[in-house]
PDB file of N, CA and C in Angstrom:
ATOM      1  N   MET A   1      -2.499   9.409 -21.452  1.00  0.00           N
ATOM      2  CA  MET A   1      -3.519   8.509 -20.715  1.00  0.00           C
ATOM      3  C   MET A   1      -2.500   8.508 -19.329  1.00  0.00           C
ATOM      4  N   VAL A   2      -3.162   8.543 -18.398  1.00  0.00           N
ATOM      5  CA  VAL A   2      -2.472   8.131 -16.937  1.00  0.00           C
ATOM      6  C   VAL A   2      -3.410   6.944 -16.532  1.00  0.00           C
ATOM      7  N   SER A   3      -2.434   5.816 -16.369  1.00  0.00           N
ATOM      8  CA  SER A   3      -2.790   4.578 -15.889  1.00  0.00           C
ATOM      9  C   SER A   3      -3.587   4.600 -14.140  1.00  0.00           C
ATOM     10  N   ASP A   4      -3.940   3.502 -13.837  1.00  0.00           N
ATOM     11  CA  ASP A   4      -4.588   3.454 -12.523  1.00  0.00           C
ATOM     12  C   ASP A   4      -5.056   4.752 -11.884  1.00  0.00           C
ATOM     13  N   THR A   5      -5.635   5.606 -12.670  1.00  0.00           N
ATOM     14  CA  THR A   5      -6.850   6.666 -12.272  1.00  0.00           C
ATOM     15  C   THR A   5      -7.972   6.969 -12.136  1.00  0.00           C
ATOM     16  N   ARG A   6      -8.491   5.935 -12.932  1.00  0.00           N
ATOM     17  CA  ARG A   6      -9.922   5.959 -13.364  1.00  0.00           C
ATOM     18  C   ARG A   6     -10.480   4.643 -13.547  1.00  0.00           C
ATOM     19  N   LEU A   7     -11.886   4.470 -12.946  1.00  0.00           N
ATOM     20  CA  LEU A   7     -12.721   3.131 -13.109  1.00  0.00           C
ATOM     21  C   LEU A   7     -13.790   4.054 -13.743  1.00  0.00           C
ATOM     22  N   THR A   8     -14.550   3.164 -14.733  1.00  0.00           N
ATOM     23  CA  THR A   8     -15.637   3.238 -15.237  1.00  0.00           C
ATOM     24  C   THR A   8     -16.495   2.349 -14.657  1.00  0.00           C
ATOM     25  N   SER A   9     -17.719   2.434 -15.218  1.00  0.00           N
ATOM     26  CA  SER A   9     -18.896   1.029 -14.615  1.00  0.00           C
ATOM     27  C   SER A   9     -19.979   1.738 -15.172  1.00  0.00           C
ATOM     28  N   LEU A  10     -20.807   0.812 -16.387  1.00  0.00           N
ATOM     29  CA  LEU A  10     -21.953   1.101 -17.225  1.00  0.00           C
ATOM     30  C   LEU A  10     -23.107   0.237 -16.218  1.00  0.00           C
ATOM     31  N   TYR A  11     -24.307   0.582 -15.814  1.00  0.00           N
ATOM     32  CA  TYR A  11     -25.005   0.083 -15.212  1.00  0.00           C
ATOM     33  C   TYR A  11     -26.636   0.255 -15.676  1.00  0.00           C
ATOM     34  N   THR A  12     -27.520  -0.082 -15.543  1.00  0.00           N
ATOM     35  CA  THR A  12     -29.066  -0.407 -15.429  1.00  0.00           C
ATOM     36  C   THR A  12     -29.649  -0.671 -14.241  1.00  0.00           C
ATOM     37  N   MET A  13     -30.668   0.329 -13.662  1.00  0.00           N
ATOM     38  CA  MET A  13     -31.353   0.187 -12.203  1.00  0.00           C
ATOM     39  C   MET A  13     -32.653  -0.003 -12.836  1.00  0.00           C
ATOM     40  N   ARG A  14     -33.168  -1.232 -11.801  1.00  0.00           N
ATOM     41  CA  ARG A  14     -34.274  -1.933 -12.182  1.00  0.00           C
ATOM     42  C   ARG A  14     -35.404  -1.922 -11.079  1.00  0.00           C
ATOM     43  N   GLN A  15     -36.536  -1.898 -11.018  1.00  0.00           N
ATOM     44  CA  GLN A  15     -37.669  -2.018 -10.255  1.00  0.00           C
ATOM     45  C   GLN A  15     -38.651  -3.177 -10.847  1.00  0.00           C
ATOM     46  N   GLY A  16     -38.071  -4.358 -10.268  1.00  0.00           N
ATOM     47  CA  GLY A  16     -38.774  -5.748 -11.333  1.00  0.00           C
ATOM     48  C   GLY A  16     -38.157  -5.693 -12.330  1.00  0.00           C
ATOM     49  N   ASP A  17     -39.145  -6.064 -13.320  1.00  0.00           N
ATOM     50  CA  ASP A  17     -38.565  -6.192 -14.756  1.00  0.00           C
ATOM     51  C   ASP A  17     -38.797  -4.438 -15.440  1.00  0.00           C
ATOM     52  N   THR A  18     -38.887  -3.181 -15.006  1.00  0.00           N
ATOM     53  CA  THR A  18     -38.947  -2.044 -15.216  1.00  0.00           C
ATOM     54  C   THR A  18     -37.605  -1.337 -15.043  1.00  0.00           C
ATOM     55  N   ALA A  19     -36.727  -1.344 -16.231  1.00  0.00           N
ATOM     56  CA  ALA A  19     -35.449  -0.394 -16.172  1.00  0.00           C
ATOM     57  C   ALA A  19     -36.076   1.081 -15.921  1.00  0.00           C
ATOM     58  N   ILE A  20     -35.404   1.254 -14.877  1.00  0.00           N
ATOM     59  CA  ILE A  20     -35.768   2.783 -14.273  1.00  0.00           C
ATOM     60  C   ILE A  20     -34.472   3.874 -14.769  1.00  0.00           C
ATOM     61  N   PHE A  21     -33.851   3.387 -14.973  1.00  0.00           N
ATOM     62  CA  PHE A  21     -32.283   4.326 -15.013  1.00  0.00           C
ATOM     63  C   PHE A  21     -31.136   3.314 -15.863  1.00  0.00           C
ATOM     64  N   SER A  22     -30.351   4.080 -16.494  1.00  0.00           N
ATOM     65  CA  SER A  22     -29.188   3.352 -17.000  1.00  0.00           C
ATOM     66  C   SER A  22     -28.260   4.508 -17.401  1.00  0.00           C
ATOM     67  N   GLY A  23     -26.900   4.497 -16.608  1.00  0.00           N
ATOM     68  CA  GLY A  23     -26.044   5.005 -16.386  1.00  0.00           C
ATOM     69  C   GLY A  23     -24.652   4.767 -16.808  1.00  0.00           C
ATOM     70  N   ILE A  24     -23.736   5.876 -16.838  1.00  0.00           N
ATOM     71  CA  ILE A  24     -22.156   5.511 -17.133  1.00  0.00           C
ATOM     72  C   ILE A  24     -21.688   6.366 -15.805  1.00  0.00           C
ATOM     73  N   LEU A  25     -20.835   5.629 -15.074  1.00  0.00           N
ATOM     74  CA  LEU A  25     -20.290   6.195 -13.558  1.00  0.00           C
ATOM     75  C   LEU A  25     -18.543   5.964 -13.795  1.00  0.00           C
ATOM     76  N   THR A  26     -17.946   7.348 -13.709  1.00  0.00           N
ATOM     77  CA  THR A  26     -16.515   7.225 -13.909  1.00  0.00           C
ATOM     78  C   THR A  26     -16.182   7.860 -12.481  1.00  0.00           C
ATOM     79  N   VAL A  27     -15.245   7.041 -11.827  1.00  0.00           N
ATOM     80  CA  VAL A  27     -14.600   7.712 -10.424  1.00  0.00           C
ATOM     81  C   VAL A  27     -12.767   7.715 -11.074  1.00  0.00           C
ATOM     82  N   GLU A  28     -12.482   9.263 -10.407  1.00  0.00           N
ATOM     83  CA  GLU A  28     -11.390   9.411 -11.062  1.00  0.00           C
ATOM     84  C   GLU A  28     -10.541   9.720  -9.732  1.00  0.00           C
ATOM     85  N   PHE A  29      -9.325   8.974  -9.593  1.00  0.00           N
ATOM     86  CA  PHE A  29      -8.995   9.613  -8.639  1.00  0.00           C
ATOM     87  C   PHE A  29      -7.179  10.406  -9.055  1.00  0.00           C
ATOM     88  N   LEU A  30      -7.562  11.982  -8.604  1.00  0.00           N
ATOM     89  CA  LEU A  30      -6.390  12.741  -9.083  1.00  0.00           C
ATOM     90  C   LEU A  30      -5.587  13.186  -8.253  1.00  0.00           C
ATOM     91  N   PRO A  31      -4.326  13.414  -8.406  1.00  0.00           N
ATOM     92  CA  PRO A  31      -3.363  13.538  -7.390  1.00  0.00           C
ATOM     93  C   PRO A  31      -3.246  15.158  -6.854  1.00  0.00           C
ATOM     94  N   GLU A  32      -3.532  14.975  -5.830  1.00  0.00           N
ATOM     95  CA  GLU A  32      -3.427  16.221  -5.165  1.00  0.00           C
ATOM     96  C   GLU A  32      -2.641  16.280  -3.504  1.00  0.00           C
ATOM     97  N   GLY A  33      -1.745  17.406  -3.422  1.00  0.00           N
ATOM     98  CA  GLY A  33      -0.886  17.264  -2.527  1.00  0.00           C
ATOM     99  C   GLY A  33      -0.330  16.012  -2.093  1.00  0.00           C
ATOM    100  N   THR A  34      -0.153  15.557  -0.871  1.00  0.00           N
ATOM    101  CA  THR A  34       0.223  13.718  -0.649  1.00  0.00           C
ATOM    102  C   THR A  34      -0.906  12.745  -0.408  1.00  0.00           C
ATOM    103  N   GLY A  35      -1.655  13.267  -1.321  1.00  0.00           N
ATOM    104  CA  GLY A  35      -3.346  12.475  -1.655  1.00  0.00           C
ATOM    105  C   GLY A  35      -3.577  12.454  -2.637  1.00  0.00           C
ATOM    106  N   CYS A  36      -4.809  12.360  -2.832  1.00  0.00           N
ATOM    107  CA  CYS A  36      -5.749  12.661  -4.116  1.00  0.00           C
ATOM    108  C   CYS A  36      -7.226  13.008  -3.807  1.00  0.00           C
ATOM    109  N   GLN A  37      -7.390  13.570  -4.873  1.00  0.00           N
ATOM    110  CA  GLN A  37      -9.258  14.205  -4.921  1.00  0.00           C
ATOM    111  C   GLN A  37      -9.924  13.059  -5.888  1.00  0.00           C
ATOM    112  N   LEU A  38     -11.043  12.685  -5.358  1.00  0.00           N
ATOM    113  CA  LEU A  38     -11.911  11.614  -5.906  1.00  0.00           C
ATOM    114  C   LEU A  38     -13.050  12.653  -6.454  1.00  0.00           C
ATOM    115  N   ARG A  39     -13.073  12.324  -7.761  1.00  0.00           N
ATOM    116  CA  ARG A  39     -14.059  13.028  -8.867  1.00  0.00           C
ATOM    117  C   ARG A  39     -15.167  12.187  -9.303  1.00  0.00           C
ATOM    118  N   LEU A  40     -16.404  12.367  -9.107  1.00  0.00           N
ATOM    119  CA  LEU A  40     -17.452  11.484  -9.665  1.00  0.00           C
ATOM    120  C   LEU A  40     -17.748  12.017 -10.982  1.00  0.00           C
ATOM    121  N   THR A  41     -18.262  11.300 -11.710  1.00  0.00           N
ATOM    122  CA  THR A  41     -19.014  12.090 -12.825  1.00  0.00           C
ATOM    123  C   THR A  41     -19.543  10.722 -13.608  1.00  0.00           C
ATOM    124  N   GLU A  42     -21.655  11.553 -13.310  1.00  0.00           N
ATOM    125  CA  GLU A  42     -22.502  10.296 -13.720  1.00  0.00           C
ATOM    126  C   GLU A  42     -23.294  10.814 -14.881  1.00  0.00           C
ATOM    127  N   GLN A  43     -23.460   9.999 -16.059  1.00  0.00           N
ATOM    128  CA  GLN A  43     -23.920  10.315 -16.986  1.00  0.00           C
ATOM    129  C   GLN A  43     -25.361   9.528 -17.280  1.00  0.00           C
ATOM    130  N   GLY A  44     -26.283   9.565 -17.266  1.00  0.00           N
ATOM    131  CA  GLY A  44     -27.648   8.744 -17.258  1.00  0.00           C
ATOM    132  C   GLY A  44     -28.817   9.024 -17.873  1.00  0.00           C
ATOM    133  N   VAL A  45     -29.552   8.269 -18.159  1.00  0.00           N
ATOM    134  CA  VAL A  45     -31.076   8.618 -18.640  1.00  0.00           C
ATOM    135  C   VAL A  45     -31.953   7.952 -17.625  1.00  0.00           C
ATOM    136  N   PHE A  46     -32.955   8.655 -17.289  1.00  0.00           N
ATOM    137  CA  PHE A  46     -34.061   8.182 -16.549  1.00  0.00           C
ATOM    138  C   PHE A  46     -35.130   8.270 -17.327  1.00  0.00           C
ATOM    139  N   TYR A  47     -35.418   6.700 -17.416  1.00  0.00           N
ATOM    140  CA  TYR A  47     -36.954   6.095 -18.174  1.00  0.00           C
ATOM    141  C   TYR A  47     -38.248   6.602 -17.676  1.00  0.00           C
ATOM    142  N   ASP A  48     -38.968   6.944 -18.554  1.00  0.00           N
ATOM    143  CA  ASP A  48     -40.527   7.494 -18.458  1.00  0.00           C
ATOM    144  C   ASP A  48     -40.734   8.092 -16.838  1.00  0.00           C
ATOM    145  N   GLY A  49     -39.864   8.821 -16.531  1.00  0.00           N
ATOM    146  CA  GLY A  49     -40.519   9.099 -14.905  1.00  0.00           C
ATOM    147  C   GLY A  49     -40.301   8.215 -13.725  1.00  0.00           C
ATOM    148  N   HIS A  50     -39.690   6.890 -14.248  1.00  0.00           N
ATOM    149  CA  HIS A  50     -39.772   6.015 -12.839  1.00  0.00           C
ATOM    150  C   HIS A  50     -38.524   6.420 -11.746  1.00  0.00           C
ATOM    151  N   ASP A  51     -37.838   7.205 -12.156  1.00  0.00           N
ATOM    152  CA  ASP A  51     -36.469   7.490 -11.085  1.00  0.00           C
ATOM    153  C   ASP A  51     -36.450   8.929 -11.183  1.00  0.00           C
ATOM    154  N   LEU A  52     -35.898   9.434 -10.278  1.00  0.00           N
ATOM    155  CA  LEU A  52     -35.608  11.175 -10.273  1.00  0.00           C
ATOM    156  C   LEU A  52     -33.867  11.504 -10.223  1.00  0.00           C
ATOM    157  N   PRO A  53     -33.439  12.518 -10.359  1.00  0.00           N
ATOM    158  CA  PRO A  53     -32.288  12.842 -10.400  1.00  0.00           C
ATOM    159  C   PRO A  53     -31.829  12.972  -8.846  1.00  0.00           C
ATOM    160  N   GLY A  54     -32.801  13.841  -8.132  1.00  0.00           N
ATOM    161  CA  GLY A  54     -32.522  13.919  -6.842  1.00  0.00           C
ATOM    162  C   GLY A  54     -32.338  12.876  -5.794  1.00  0.00           C
ATOM    163  N   ASN A  55     -33.023  11.729  -6.378  1.00  0.00           N
ATOM    164  CA  ASN A  55     -32.639  10.341  -5.557  1.00  0.00           C
ATOM    165  C   ASN A  55     -31.216   9.969  -5.807  1.00  0.00           C
ATOM    166  N   HIS A  56     -30.623   9.718  -6.753  1.00  0.00           N
ATOM    167  CA  HIS A  56     -29.172   9.712  -7.098  1.00  0.00           C
ATOM    168  C   HIS A  56     -28.280  10.706  -6.284  1.00  0.00           C
ATOM    169  N   LYS A  57     -28.546  11.918  -6.047  1.00  0.00           N
ATOM    170  CA  LYS A  57     -28.126  12.907  -5.485  1.00  0.00           C
ATOM    171  C   LYS A  57     -27.794  12.516  -3.861  1.00  0.00           C
ATOM    172  N   LEU A  58     -29.312  12.148  -3.475  1.00  0.00           N
ATOM    173  CA  LEU A  58     -28.958  11.710  -1.835  1.00  0.00           C
ATOM    174  C   LEU A  58     -28.271  10.350  -1.762  1.00  0.00           C
ATOM    175  N   GLY A  59     -28.537   9.441  -3.057  1.00  0.00           N
ATOM    176  CA  GLY A  59     -27.753   8.063  -2.495  1.00  0.00           C
ATOM    177  C   GLY A  59     -26.021   8.441  -2.680  1.00  0.00           C
ATOM    178  N   TYR A  60     -25.957   9.471  -3.490  1.00  0.00           N
ATOM    179  CA  TYR A  60     -24.229   9.697  -3.755  1.00  0.00           C
ATOM    180  C   TYR A  60     -24.121  10.382  -2.139  1.00  0.00           C
ATOM    181  N   GLN A  61     -24.490  11.378  -1.948  1.00  0.00           N
ATOM    182  CA  GLN A  61     -24.120  11.818  -0.703  1.00  0.00           C
ATOM    183  C   GLN A  61     -24.274  11.071   0.717  1.00  0.00           C
ATOM    184  N   ALA A  62     -25.041   9.947   0.754  1.00  0.00           N
ATOM    185  CA  ALA A  62     -25.054   8.876   1.806  1.00  0.00           C
ATOM    186  C   ALA A  62     -23.884   7.929   1.524  1.00  0.00           C
ATOM    187  N   MET A  63     -23.447   7.638   0.103  1.00  0.00           N
ATOM    188  CA  MET A  63     -22.227   6.638   0.002  1.00  0.00           C
ATOM    189  C   MET A  63     -21.022   7.639   0.396  1.00  0.00           C
ATOM    190  N   LEU A  64     -20.919   8.904  -0.029  1.00  0.00           N
ATOM    191  CA  LEU A  64     -19.956   9.364   0.288  1.00  0.00           C
ATOM    192  C   LEU A  64     -19.687   9.712   1.879  1.00  0.00           C
ATOM    193  N   ALA A  65     -20.503  10.269   2.352  1.00  0.00           N
ATOM    194  CA  ALA A  65     -20.626  10.326   3.975  1.00  0.00           C
ATOM    195  C   ALA A  65     -20.192   8.887   4.395  1.00  0.00           C
ATOM    196  N   ALA A  66     -20.271   7.867   4.106  1.00  0.00           N
ATOM    197  CA  ALA A  66     -20.022   6.547   4.533  1.00  0.00           C
ATOM    198  C   ALA A  66     -18.502   6.394   4.282  1.00  0.00           C
ATOM    199  N   LEU A  67     -17.928   7.005   3.239  1.00  0.00           N
ATOM    200  CA  LEU A  67     -16.913   6.989   2.919  1.00  0.00           C
ATOM    201  C   LEU A  67     -15.630   7.524   3.564  1.00  0.00           C
ATOM    202  N   ARG A  68     -16.427   8.695   4.025  1.00  0.00           N
ATOM    203  CA  ARG A  68     -15.285   9.721   4.769  1.00  0.00           C
ATOM    204  C   ARG A  68     -15.233   9.206   6.086  1.00  0.00           C
ATOM    205  N   ARG A  69     -16.127   8.360   6.635  1.00  0.00           N
ATOM    206  CA  ARG A  69     -15.975   7.497   7.856  1.00  0.00           C
ATOM    207  C   ARG A  69     -14.933   6.704   7.792  1.00  0.00           C
ATOM    208  N   PHE A  70     -14.108   6.194   6.745  1.00  0.00           N
ATOM    209  CA  PHE A  70     -13.097   5.438   6.632  1.00  0.00           C
ATOM    210  C   PHE A  70     -11.624   5.870   6.461  1.00  0.00           C
ATOM    211  N   LEU A  71     -11.975   7.731   6.363  1.00  0.00           N
ATOM    212  CA  LEU A  71     -10.719   8.132   6.082  1.00  0.00           C
ATOM    213  C   LEU A  71     -10.473   8.836   6.974  1.00  0.00           C
ATOM    214  N   PRO A  72      -8.902   8.898   7.120  1.00  0.00           N
ATOM    215  CA  PRO A  72      -8.457  10.094   8.241  1.00  0.00           C
ATOM    216  C   PRO A  72      -9.080  11.094   8.359  1.00  0.00           C
ATOM    217  N   PRO A  73      -9.160  12.281   9.344  1.00  0.00           N
ATOM    218  CA  PRO A  73      -9.855  13.328   9.680  1.00  0.00           C
ATOM    219  C   PRO A  73      -9.546  14.278   8.701  1.00  0.00           C
ATOM    220  N   ASP A  74      -7.996  14.233   8.289  1.00  0.00           N
ATOM    221  CA  ASP A  74      -7.520  15.408   7.150  1.00  0.00           C
ATOM    222  C   ASP A  74      -8.179  15.102   6.052  1.00  0.00           C
ATOM    223  N   ALA A  75      -8.661  14.412   5.961  1.00  0.00           N
ATOM    224  CA  ALA A  75      -9.048  13.564   4.374  1.00  0.00           C
ATOM    225  C   ALA A  75      -9.844  14.354   3.720  1.00  0.00           C
ATOM    226  N   ALA A  76     -10.881  14.437   4.812  1.00  0.00           N
ATOM    227  CA  ALA A  76     -12.299  14.813   4.125  1.00  0.00           C
ATOM    228  C   ALA A  76     -12.543  16.348   3.675  1.00  0.00           C
TER     229      ALA A  76
END
């Protein structure tokens, strides 16, 4: 075990009272050179066609693009 390298979150997304997705998100920070590599792993269940995997991909792309704006240029 390597301490202080991994965060795990469990969650359910809802639209009103309807559960549309439940997931486990793990974020790992792995040593790489003088910095680190960020690795995201999501395992999930899409309920009754209410949510789509493509929506999650687009959401993570937008969040990672926003994160890049806060990193030094050579980190991206």
